[in-house]
């Protein structure tokens, strides 16, 4: 008999309408530390979102440099553009870690 009551209670609670809360109400209890975390996490999320197009552009430029300067002494200079690829990879890793630890 108690199982039926529990089942009825679960069905009744499933039929109740959801209470919706506005964004203003959610952020009304935030303090300055929360705003700092939200801002920092948003910057990390933007950096994470920019990462794939940026890496595509940098890698495409690197591949084009091999085709343009295949037999000249400028190859070493063009290959040094790999530094930009490595620096951007470190920045992307930092933004992903930042976003993960703040928003996850």
PDB file of N, CA and C in Angstrom:
ATOM      1  N   UNK A   1       0.818  -1.186   0.000  1.00  0.00           N
ATOM      2  CA  UNK A   1       0.000   0.000   0.000  1.00  0.00           C
ATOM      3  C   UNK A   1       0.866   1.257   0.000  1.00  0.00           C
ATOM      4  N   UNK A   2       1.962   1.218   0.715  1.00  0.00           N
ATOM      5  CA  UNK A   2       2.820   2.391   0.765  1.00  0.00           C
ATOM      6  C   UNK A   2       3.507   2.627  -0.580  1.00  0.00           C
ATOM      7  N   UNK A   3       3.746   1.560  -1.338  1.00  0.00           N
ATOM      8  CA  UNK A   3       4.344   1.721  -2.664  1.00  0.00           C
ATOM      9  C   UNK A   3       3.400   2.473  -3.592  1.00  0.00           C
ATOM     10  N   UNK A   4       2.104   2.214  -3.486  1.00  0.00           N
ATOM     11  CA  UNK A   4       1.131   2.915  -4.321  1.00  0.00           C
ATOM     12  C   UNK A   4       1.097   4.395  -3.979  1.00  0.00           C
ATOM     13  N   UNK A   5       1.193   4.729  -2.701  1.00  0.00           N
ATOM     14  CA  UNK A   5       1.199   6.130  -2.291  1.00  0.00           C
ATOM     15  C   UNK A   5       2.442   6.836  -2.816  1.00  0.00           C
ATOM     16  N   UNK A   6       3.575   6.162  -2.740  1.00  0.00           N
ATOM     17  CA  UNK A   6       4.805   6.749  -3.268  1.00  0.00           C
ATOM     18  C   UNK A   6       4.721   6.945  -4.771  1.00  0.00           C
ATOM     19  N   UNK A   7       4.130   5.984  -5.464  1.00  0.00           N
ATOM     20  CA  UNK A   7       3.973   6.090  -6.909  1.00  0.00           C
ATOM     21  C   UNK A   7       3.029   7.228  -7.262  1.00  0.00           C
ATOM     22  N   UNK A   8       1.913   7.351  -6.527  1.00  0.00           N
ATOM     23  CA  UNK A   8       0.975   8.447  -6.770  1.00  0.00           C
ATOM     24  C   UNK A   8       1.628   9.793  -6.501  1.00  0.00           C
ATOM     25  N   UNK A   9       2.427   9.860  -5.448  1.00  0.00           N
ATOM     26  CA  UNK A   9       3.107  11.107  -5.112  1.00  0.00           C
ATOM     27  C   UNK A   9       4.110  11.478  -6.209  1.00  0.00           C
ATOM     28  N   UNK A  10       4.813  10.492  -6.758  1.00  0.00           N
ATOM     29  CA  UNK A  10       5.773  10.742  -7.832  1.00  0.00           C
ATOM     30  C   UNK A  10       5.066  11.209  -9.093  1.00  0.00           C
ATOM     31  N   UNK A  11       3.907  10.625  -9.400  1.00  0.00           N
ATOM     32  CA  UNK A  11       3.144  11.033 -10.583  1.00  0.00           C
ATOM     33  C   UNK A  11       2.608  12.440 -10.397  1.00  0.00           C
ATOM     34  N   UNK A  12       2.114  12.755  -9.190  1.00  0.00           N
ATOM     35  CA  UNK A  12       1.597  14.095  -8.927  1.00  0.00           C
ATOM     36  C   UNK A  12       2.696  15.143  -9.031  1.00  0.00           C
ATOM     37  N   UNK A  13       3.884  14.827  -8.528  1.00  0.00           N
ATOM     38  CA  UNK A  13       4.979  15.794  -8.604  1.00  0.00           C
ATOM     39  C   UNK A  13       5.470  15.963 -10.040  1.00  0.00           C
ATOM     40  N   UNK A  14       5.318  14.944 -10.867  1.00  0.00           N
ATOM     41  CA  UNK A  14       5.727  15.057 -12.269  1.00  0.00           C
ATOM     42  C   UNK A  14       4.762  15.929 -13.052  1.00  0.00           C
ATOM     43  N   UNK A  15       3.505  16.017 -12.619  1.00  0.00           N
ATOM     44  CA  UNK A  15       2.503  16.807 -13.330  1.00  0.00           C
ATOM     45  C   UNK A  15       2.486  18.267 -12.903  1.00  0.00           C
ATOM     46  N   UNK A  16       3.221  18.634 -11.865  1.00  0.00           N
ATOM     47  CA  UNK A  16       3.244  20.018 -11.407  1.00  0.00           C
ATOM     48  C   UNK A  16       3.977  20.880 -12.428  1.00  0.00           C
ATOM     49  N   UNK A  17       3.513  22.118 -12.630  1.00  0.00           N
ATOM     50  CA  UNK A  17       4.199  23.003 -13.584  1.00  0.00           C
ATOM     51  C   UNK A  17       5.561  23.433 -13.036  1.00  0.00           C
ATOM     52  N   UNK A  18       6.485  23.676 -13.955  1.00  0.00           N
ATOM     53  CA  UNK A  18       7.827  24.092 -13.561  1.00  0.00           C
ATOM     54  C   UNK A  18       7.814  25.565 -13.181  1.00  0.00           C
ATOM     55  N   UNK A  19       8.569  25.902 -12.162  1.00  0.00           N
ATOM     56  CA  UNK A  19       8.732  27.302 -11.790  1.00  0.00           C
ATOM     57  C   UNK A  19       9.887  27.872 -12.593  1.00  0.00           C
ATOM     58  N   UNK A  20       9.628  28.918 -13.329  1.00  0.00           N
ATOM     59  CA  UNK A  20      10.666  29.542 -14.145  1.00  0.00           C
ATOM     60  C   UNK A  20      11.181  30.782 -13.433  1.00  0.00           C
ATOM     61  N   UNK A  21      12.474  30.995 -13.569  1.00  0.00           N
ATOM     62  CA  UNK A  21      13.118  32.125 -12.919  1.00  0.00           C
ATOM     63  C   UNK A  21      13.834  32.930 -13.997  1.00  0.00           C
ATOM     64  N   UNK A  22      13.747  34.250 -13.908  1.00  0.00           N
ATOM     65  CA  UNK A  22      14.395  35.103 -14.901  1.00  0.00           C
ATOM     66  C   UNK A  22      15.900  35.198 -14.618  1.00  0.00           C
ATOM     67  N   UNK A  23      16.651  35.653 -15.623  1.00  0.00           N
ATOM     68  CA  UNK A  23      18.090  35.829 -15.457  1.00  0.00           C
ATOM     69  C   UNK A  23      18.383  36.882 -14.392  1.00  0.00           C
ATOM     70  N   UNK A  24      17.571  37.918 -14.352  1.00  0.00           N
ATOM     71  CA  UNK A  24      17.786  38.964 -13.354  1.00  0.00           C
ATOM     72  C   UNK A  24      17.699  38.386 -11.947  1.00  0.00           C
ATOM     73  N   UNK A  25      16.747  37.516 -11.719  1.00  0.00           N
ATOM     74  CA  UNK A  25      16.574  36.906 -10.397  1.00  0.00           C
ATOM     75  C   UNK A  25      17.766  36.004 -10.052  1.00  0.00           C
ATOM     76  N   UNK A  26      18.288  35.300 -11.047  1.00  0.00           N
ATOM     77  CA  UNK A  26      19.439  34.422 -10.801  1.00  0.00           C
ATOM     78  C   UNK A  26      20.660  35.240 -10.387  1.00  0.00           C
ATOM     79  N   UNK A  27      20.919  36.333 -11.101  1.00  0.00           N
ATOM     80  CA  UNK A  27      22.109  37.129 -10.830  1.00  0.00           C
ATOM     81  C   UNK A  27      21.905  38.166  -9.734  1.00  0.00           C
ATOM     82  N   UNK A  28      20.713  38.282  -9.171  1.00  0.00           N
ATOM     83  CA  UNK A  28      20.485  39.281  -8.129  1.00  0.00           C
ATOM     84  C   UNK A  28      21.207  38.925  -6.831  1.00  0.00           C
ATOM     85  N   UNK A  29      21.558  37.680  -6.642  1.00  0.00           N
ATOM     86  CA  UNK A  29      22.242  37.256  -5.426  1.00  0.00           C
ATOM     87  C   UNK A  29      23.756  37.177  -5.595  1.00  0.00           C
ATOM     88  N   UNK A  30      24.264  37.541  -6.754  1.00  0.00           N
ATOM     89  CA  UNK A  30      25.705  37.451  -7.012  1.00  0.00           C
ATOM     90  C   UNK A  30      26.433  38.611  -6.342  1.00  0.00           C
ATOM     91  N   UNK A  31      27.614  38.323  -5.842  1.00  0.00           N
ATOM     92  CA  UNK A  31      28.448  39.376  -5.274  1.00  0.00           C
ATOM     93  C   UNK A  31      29.580  39.693  -6.251  1.00  0.00           C
ATOM     94  N   UNK A  32      30.516  40.522  -5.827  1.00  0.00           N
ATOM     95  CA  UNK A  32      31.583  40.943  -6.740  1.00  0.00           C
ATOM     96  C   UNK A  32      32.469  39.769  -7.157  1.00  0.00           C
ATOM     97  N   UNK A  33      32.686  38.802  -6.287  1.00  0.00           N
ATOM     98  CA  UNK A  33      33.483  37.621  -6.629  1.00  0.00           C
ATOM     99  C   UNK A  33      32.795  36.819  -7.730  1.00  0.00           C
ATOM    100  N   UNK A  34      31.471  36.670  -7.630  1.00  0.00           N
ATOM    101  CA  UNK A  34      30.724  35.943  -8.659  1.00  0.00           C
ATOM    102  C   UNK A  34      30.800  36.658 -10.001  1.00  0.00           C
ATOM    103  N   UNK A  35      30.686  37.997  -9.978  1.00  0.00           N
ATOM    104  CA  UNK A  35      30.790  38.751 -11.227  1.00  0.00           C
ATOM    105  C   UNK A  35      32.178  38.607 -11.841  1.00  0.00           C
ATOM    106  N   UNK A  36      33.209  38.582 -11.003  1.00  0.00           N
ATOM    107  CA  UNK A  36      34.566  38.384 -11.515  1.00  0.00           C
ATOM    108  C   UNK A  36      34.704  37.007 -12.161  1.00  0.00           C
ATOM    109  N   UNK A  37      34.160  35.985 -11.512  1.00  0.00           N
ATOM    110  CA  UNK A  37      34.218  34.636 -12.079  1.00  0.00           C
ATOM    111  C   UNK A  37      33.415  34.536 -13.371  1.00  0.00           C
ATOM    112  N   UNK A  38      32.252  35.162 -13.418  1.00  0.00           N
ATOM    113  CA  UNK A  38      31.436  35.138 -14.635  1.00  0.00           C
ATOM    114  C   UNK A  38      32.177  35.828 -15.775  1.00  0.00           C
ATOM    115  N   UNK A  39      32.773  36.984 -15.493  1.00  0.00           N
ATOM    116  CA  UNK A  39      33.505  37.718 -16.521  1.00  0.00           C
ATOM    117  C   UNK A  39      34.716  36.921 -17.006  1.00  0.00           C
ATOM    118  N   UNK A  40      35.480  36.364 -16.069  1.00  0.00           N
ATOM    119  CA  UNK A  40      36.666  35.594 -16.437  1.00  0.00           C
ATOM    120  C   UNK A  40      36.293  34.332 -17.205  1.00  0.00           C
ATOM    121  N   UNK A  41      35.241  33.664 -16.779  1.00  0.00           N
ATOM    122  CA  UNK A  41      34.781  32.474 -17.493  1.00  0.00           C
ATOM    123  C   UNK A  41      34.280  32.798 -18.885  1.00  0.00           C
ATOM    124  N   UNK A  42      33.634  33.956 -19.030  1.00  0.00           N
ATOM    125  CA  UNK A  42      33.161  34.369 -20.352  1.00  0.00           C
ATOM    126  C   UNK A  42      34.334  34.655 -21.282  1.00  0.00           C
ATOM    127  N   UNK A  43      35.363  35.306 -20.766  1.00  0.00           N
ATOM    128  CA  UNK A  43      36.567  35.554 -21.575  1.00  0.00           C
ATOM    129  C   UNK A  43      37.202  34.225 -21.984  1.00  0.00           C
ATOM    130  N   UNK A  44      37.260  33.267 -21.064  1.00  0.00           N
ATOM    131  CA  UNK A  44      37.797  31.943 -21.398  1.00  0.00           C
ATOM    132  C   UNK A  44      36.952  31.228 -22.435  1.00  0.00           C
ATOM    133  N   UNK A  45      35.620  31.372 -22.346  1.00  0.00           N
ATOM    134  CA  UNK A  45      34.738  30.733 -23.322  1.00  0.00           C
ATOM    135  C   UNK A  45      34.897  31.363 -24.701  1.00  0.00           C
ATOM    136  N   UNK A  46      35.072  32.688 -24.741  1.00  0.00           N
ATOM    137  CA  UNK A  46      35.306  33.354 -26.031  1.00  0.00           C
ATOM    138  C   UNK A  46      36.630  32.879 -26.625  1.00  0.00           C
ATOM    139  N   UNK A  47      37.659  32.790 -25.801  1.00  0.00           N
ATOM    140  CA  UNK A  47      38.949  32.282 -26.282  1.00  0.00           C
ATOM    141  C   UNK A  47      38.848  30.852 -26.777  1.00  0.00           C
ATOM    142  N   UNK A  48      38.050  30.064 -26.102  1.00  0.00           N
ATOM    143  CA  UNK A  48      37.841  28.680 -26.525  1.00  0.00           C
ATOM    144  C   UNK A  48      37.097  28.628 -27.854  1.00  0.00           C
ATOM    145  N   UNK A  49      36.142  29.513 -28.048  1.00  0.00           N
ATOM    146  CA  UNK A  49      35.386  29.530 -29.294  1.00  0.00           C
ATOM    147  C   UNK A  49      36.190  30.044 -30.477  1.00  0.00           C
ATOM    148  N   UNK A  50      37.103  30.949 -30.217  1.00  0.00           N
ATOM    149  CA  UNK A  50      37.933  31.515 -31.287  1.00  0.00           C
ATOM    150  C   UNK A  50      39.037  30.544 -31.698  1.00  0.00           C
ATOM    151  N   UNK A  51      39.333  29.579 -30.859  1.00  0.00           N
ATOM    152  CA  UNK A  51      40.521  28.750 -31.057  1.00  0.00           C
ATOM    153  C   UNK A  51      40.536  27.984 -32.372  1.00  0.00           C
ATOM    154  N   UNK A  52      39.456  27.337 -32.735  1.00  0.00           N
ATOM    155  CA  UNK A  52      39.478  26.520 -33.953  1.00  0.00           C
ATOM    156  C   UNK A  52      39.647  27.363 -35.217  1.00  0.00           C
ATOM    157  N   UNK A  53      38.892  28.457 -35.407  1.00  0.00           N
ATOM    158  CA  UNK A  53      39.152  29.268 -36.604  1.00  0.00           C
ATOM    159  C   UNK A  53      40.555  29.864 -36.624  1.00  0.00           C
ATOM    160  N   UNK A  54      41.059  30.268 -35.468  1.00  0.00           N
ATOM    161  CA  UNK A  54      42.398  30.846 -35.411  1.00  0.00           C
ATOM    162  C   UNK A  54      43.462  29.819 -35.770  1.00  0.00           C
ATOM    163  N   UNK A  55      43.335  28.619 -35.246  1.00  0.00           N
ATOM    164  CA  UNK A  55      44.301  27.569 -35.574  1.00  0.00           C
ATOM    165  C   UNK A  55      44.222  27.198 -37.058  1.00  0.00           C
ATOM    166  N   UNK A  56      43.027  27.223 -37.624  1.00  0.00           N
ATOM    167  CA  UNK A  56      42.876  26.919 -39.046  1.00  0.00           C
ATOM    168  C   UNK A  56      43.592  27.955 -39.896  1.00  0.00           C
ATOM    169  N   UNK A  57      43.441  29.224 -39.546  1.00  0.00           N
ATOM    170  CA  UNK A  57      44.101  30.291 -40.307  1.00  0.00           C
ATOM    171  C   UNK A  57      45.619  30.181 -40.177  1.00  0.00           C
ATOM    172  N   UNK A  58      46.112  29.989 -38.969  1.00  0.00           N
ATOM    173  CA  UNK A  58      47.564  29.905 -38.762  1.00  0.00           C
ATOM    174  C   UNK A  58      48.144  28.679 -39.460  1.00  0.00           C
ATOM    175  N   UNK A  59      47.476  27.545 -39.346  1.00  0.00           N
ATOM    176  CA  UNK A  59      47.979  26.335 -39.996  1.00  0.00           C
ATOM    177  C   UNK A  59      47.919  26.466 -41.518  1.00  0.00           C
ATOM    178  N   UNK A  60      46.873  27.094 -42.052  1.00  0.00           N
ATOM    179  CA  UNK A  60      46.785  27.319 -43.495  1.00  0.00           C
ATOM    180  C   UNK A  60      47.900  28.212 -44.000  1.00  0.00           C
ATOM    181  N   UNK A  61      48.230  29.251 -43.231  1.00  0.00           N
ATOM    182  CA  UNK A  61      49.340  30.125 -43.600  1.00  0.00           C
ATOM    183  C   UNK A  61      50.660  29.366 -43.583  1.00  0.00           C
ATOM    184  N   UNK A  62      50.820  28.499 -42.603  1.00  0.00           N
ATOM    185  CA  UNK A  62      52.042  27.698 -42.519  1.00  0.00           C
ATOM    186  C   UNK A  62      52.172  26.756 -43.711  1.00  0.00           C
ATOM    187  N   UNK A  63      51.090  26.103 -44.096  1.00  0.00           N
ATOM    188  CA  UNK A  63      51.124  25.185 -45.238  1.00  0.00           C
ATOM    189  C   UNK A  63      51.382  25.948 -46.531  1.00  0.00           C
ATOM    190  N   UNK A  64      50.776  27.120 -46.686  1.00  0.00           N
ATOM    191  CA  UNK A  64      51.021  27.932 -47.880  1.00  0.00           C
ATOM    192  C   UNK A  64      52.474  28.376 -47.967  1.00  0.00           C
ATOM    193  N   UNK A  65      53.098  28.624 -46.835  1.00  0.00           N
ATOM    194  CA  UNK A  65      54.494  29.060 -46.868  1.00  0.00           C
ATOM    195  C   UNK A  65      55.411  27.962 -47.396  1.00  0.00           C
ATOM    196  N   UNK A  66      55.081  26.697 -47.156  1.00  0.00           N
ATOM    197  CA  UNK A  66      55.887  25.616 -47.715  1.00  0.00           C
ATOM    198  C   UNK A  66      55.782  25.587 -49.234  1.00  0.00           C
ATOM    199  N   UNK A  67      54.622  25.870 -49.770  1.00  0.00           N
ATOM    200  CA  UNK A  67      54.441  25.840 -51.213  1.00  0.00           C
ATOM    201  C   UNK A  67      55.085  27.016 -51.913  1.00  0.00           C
ATOM    202  N   UNK A  68      55.071  28.182 -51.291  1.00  0.00           N
ATOM    203  CA  UNK A  68      55.602  29.387 -51.928  1.00  0.00           C
ATOM    204  C   UNK A  68      57.124  29.454 -51.883  1.00  0.00           C
ATOM    205  N   UNK A  69      57.708  29.003 -50.803  1.00  0.00           N
ATOM    206  CA  UNK A  69      59.142  29.162 -50.614  1.00  0.00           C
ATOM    207  C   UNK A  69      59.837  27.815 -50.537  1.00  0.00           C
ATOM    208  N   UNK A  70      59.527  26.937 -51.462  1.00  0.00           N
ATOM    209  CA  UNK A  70      60.064  25.584 -51.403  1.00  0.00           C
ATOM    210  C   UNK A  70      61.552  25.480 -51.635  1.00  0.00           C
ATOM    211  N   UNK A  71      62.131  26.332 -52.456  1.00  0.00           N
ATOM    212  CA  UNK A  71      63.534  26.158 -52.824  1.00  0.00           C
ATOM    213  C   UNK A  71      64.398  27.370 -52.489  1.00  0.00           C
ATOM    214  N   UNK A  72      63.964  28.196 -51.603  1.00  0.00           N
ATOM    215  CA  UNK A  72      64.754  29.392 -51.304  1.00  0.00           C
ATOM    216  C   UNK A  72      65.240  29.372 -49.868  1.00  0.00           C
ATOM    217  N   UNK A  73      66.054  30.362 -49.549  1.00  0.00           N
ATOM    218  CA  UNK A  73      66.584  30.454 -48.186  1.00  0.00           C
ATOM    219  C   UNK A  73      65.546  30.984 -47.198  1.00  0.00           C
ATOM    220  N   UNK A  74      64.399  31.426 -47.694  1.00  0.00           N
ATOM    221  CA  UNK A  74      63.360  31.964 -46.818  1.00  0.00           C
ATOM    222  C   UNK A  74      62.554  30.877 -46.109  1.00  0.00           C
ATOM    223  N   UNK A  75      62.855  29.634 -46.393  1.00  0.00           N
ATOM    224  CA  UNK A  75      62.112  28.536 -45.773  1.00  0.00           C
ATOM    225  C   UNK A  75      62.279  28.571 -44.256  1.00  0.00           C
ATOM    226  N   UNK A  76      63.489  28.836 -43.791  1.00  0.00           N
ATOM    227  CA  UNK A  76      63.738  28.864 -42.347  1.00  0.00           C
ATOM    228  C   UNK A  76      62.916  29.967 -41.692  1.00  0.00           C
ATOM    229  N   UNK A  77      62.864  31.110 -42.360  1.00  0.00           N
ATOM    230  CA  UNK A  77      62.068  32.215 -41.819  1.00  0.00           C
ATOM    231  C   UNK A  77      60.585  31.856 -41.786  1.00  0.00           C
ATOM    232  N   UNK A  78      60.126  31.222 -42.820  1.00  0.00           N
ATOM    233  CA  UNK A  78      58.708  30.860 -42.876  1.00  0.00           C
ATOM    234  C   UNK A  78      58.366  29.748 -41.889  1.00  0.00           C
ATOM    235  N   UNK A  79      59.277  28.833 -41.688  1.00  0.00           N
ATOM    236  CA  UNK A  79      59.026  27.752 -40.736  1.00  0.00           C
ATOM    237  C   UNK A  79      59.008  28.295 -39.311  1.00  0.00           C
ATOM    238  N   UNK A  80      59.679  29.416 -39.091  1.00  0.00           N
ATOM    239  CA  UNK A  80      59.652  30.007 -37.754  1.00  0.00           C
ATOM    240  C   UNK A  80      58.257  30.500 -37.379  1.00  0.00           C
ATOM    241  N   UNK A  81      57.365  30.514 -38.334  1.00  0.00           N
ATOM    242  CA  UNK A  81      55.976  30.861 -38.028  1.00  0.00           C
ATOM    243  C   UNK A  81      55.301  29.786 -37.179  1.00  0.00           C
ATOM    244  N   UNK A  82      55.974  28.669 -37.026  1.00  0.00           N
ATOM    245  CA  UNK A  82      55.455  27.618 -36.147  1.00  0.00           C
ATOM    246  C   UNK A  82      55.371  28.139 -34.716  1.00  0.00           C
ATOM    247  N   UNK A  83      56.201  29.126 -34.392  1.00  0.00           N
ATOM    248  CA  UNK A  83      56.127  29.738 -33.069  1.00  0.00           C
ATOM    249  C   UNK A  83      54.726  30.271 -32.800  1.00  0.00           C
ATOM    250  N   UNK A  84      54.134  30.907 -33.808  1.00  0.00           N
ATOM    251  CA  UNK A  84      52.778  31.428 -33.633  1.00  0.00           C
ATOM    252  C   UNK A  84      51.792  30.300 -33.363  1.00  0.00           C
ATOM    253  N   UNK A  85      51.999  29.189 -34.024  1.00  0.00           N
ATOM    254  CA  UNK A  85      51.135  28.031 -33.808  1.00  0.00           C
ATOM    255  C   UNK A  85      51.281  27.517 -32.376  1.00  0.00           C
ATOM    256  N   UNK A  86      52.505  27.450 -31.888  1.00  0.00           N
ATOM    257  CA  UNK A  86      52.734  26.967 -30.518  1.00  0.00           C
ATOM    258  C   UNK A  86      52.209  27.956 -29.482  1.00  0.00           C
ATOM    259  N   UNK A  87      52.431  29.234 -29.706  1.00  0.00           N
ATOM    260  CA  UNK A  87      51.939  30.248 -28.768  1.00  0.00           C
ATOM    261  C   UNK A  87      50.422  30.244 -28.723  1.00  0.00           C
ATOM    262  N   UNK A  88      49.791  30.140 -29.882  1.00  0.00           N
ATOM    263  CA  UNK A  88      48.326  30.108 -29.894  1.00  0.00           C
ATOM    264  C   UNK A  88      47.805  28.830 -29.246  1.00  0.00           C
ATOM    265  N   UNK A  89      48.527  27.722 -29.391  1.00  0.00           N
ATOM    266  CA  UNK A  89      48.095  26.481 -28.735  1.00  0.00           C
ATOM    267  C   UNK A  89      48.156  26.619 -27.217  1.00  0.00           C
ATOM    268  N   UNK A  90      49.179  27.274 -26.707  1.00  0.00           N
ATOM    269  CA  UNK A  90      49.279  27.497 -25.263  1.00  0.00           C
ATOM    270  C   UNK A  90      48.160  28.419 -24.786  1.00  0.00           C
ATOM    271  N   UNK A  91      47.873  29.471 -25.549  1.00  0.00           N
ATOM    272  CA  UNK A  91      46.783  30.384 -25.182  1.00  0.00           C
ATOM    273  C   UNK A  91      45.435  29.674 -25.219  1.00  0.00           C
ATOM    274  N   UNK A  92      45.239  28.841 -26.203  1.00  0.00           N
ATOM    275  CA  UNK A  92      43.986  28.093 -26.304  1.00  0.00           C
ATOM    276  C   UNK A  92      43.846  27.141 -25.127  1.00  0.00           C
ATOM    277  N   UNK A  93      44.923  26.465 -24.776  1.00  0.00           N
ATOM    278  CA  UNK A  93      44.877  25.564 -23.626  1.00  0.00           C
ATOM    279  C   UNK A  93      44.529  26.332 -22.355  1.00  0.00           C
ATOM    280  N   UNK A  94      45.127  27.497 -22.196  1.00  0.00           N
ATOM    281  CA  UNK A  94      44.829  28.313 -21.018  1.00  0.00           C
ATOM    282  C   UNK A  94      43.384  28.755 -20.968  1.00  0.00           C
ATOM    283  N   UNK A  95      42.834  29.161 -22.109  1.00  0.00           N
ATOM    284  CA  UNK A  95      41.434  29.599 -22.115  1.00  0.00           C
ATOM    285  C   UNK A  95      40.480  28.434 -21.879  1.00  0.00           C
ATOM    286  N   UNK A  96      40.820  27.262 -22.383  1.00  0.00           N
ATOM    287  CA  UNK A  96      39.966  26.088 -22.156  1.00  0.00           C
ATOM    288  C   UNK A  96      39.982  25.696 -20.684  1.00  0.00           C
ATOM    289  N   UNK A  97      41.146  25.697 -20.073  1.00  0.00           N
ATOM    290  CA  UNK A  97      41.241  25.364 -18.649  1.00  0.00           C
ATOM    291  C   UNK A  97      40.498  26.394 -17.812  1.00  0.00           C
ATOM    292  N   UNK A  98      40.649  27.658 -18.163  1.00  0.00           N
ATOM    293  CA  UNK A  98      39.961  28.727 -17.447  1.00  0.00           C
ATOM    294  C   UNK A  98      38.457  28.567 -17.537  1.00  0.00           C
ATOM    295  N   UNK A  99      37.955  28.330 -18.735  1.00  0.00           N
ATOM    296  CA  UNK A  99      36.518  28.161 -18.912  1.00  0.00           C
ATOM    297  C   UNK A  99      36.022  26.918 -18.187  1.00  0.00           C
ATOM    298  N   UNK A 100      36.790  25.854 -18.239  1.00  0.00           N
ATOM    299  CA  UNK A 100      36.361  24.603 -17.618  1.00  0.00           C
ATOM    300  C   UNK A 100      36.250  24.744 -16.104  1.00  0.00           C
ATOM    301  N   UNK A 101      37.256  25.338 -15.483  1.00  0.00           N
ATOM    302  CA  UNK A 101      37.244  25.418 -14.027  1.00  0.00           C
ATOM    303  C   UNK A 101      36.258  26.449 -13.498  1.00  0.00           C
ATOM    304  N   UNK A 102      35.900  27.431 -14.298  1.00  0.00           N
ATOM    305  CA  UNK A 102      34.948  28.429 -13.811  1.00  0.00           C
ATOM    306  C   UNK A 102      33.515  28.012 -14.087  1.00  0.00           C
ATOM    307  N   UNK A 103      33.231  27.491 -15.268  1.00  0.00           N
ATOM    308  CA  UNK A 103      31.848  27.184 -15.626  1.00  0.00           C
ATOM    309  C   UNK A 103      31.454  25.737 -15.398  1.00  0.00           C
ATOM    310  N   UNK A 104      32.391  24.841 -15.171  1.00  0.00           N
ATOM    311  CA  UNK A 104      32.019  23.434 -15.010  1.00  0.00           C
ATOM    312  C   UNK A 104      31.697  23.097 -13.581  1.00  0.00           C
TER     313      UNK A 104
END
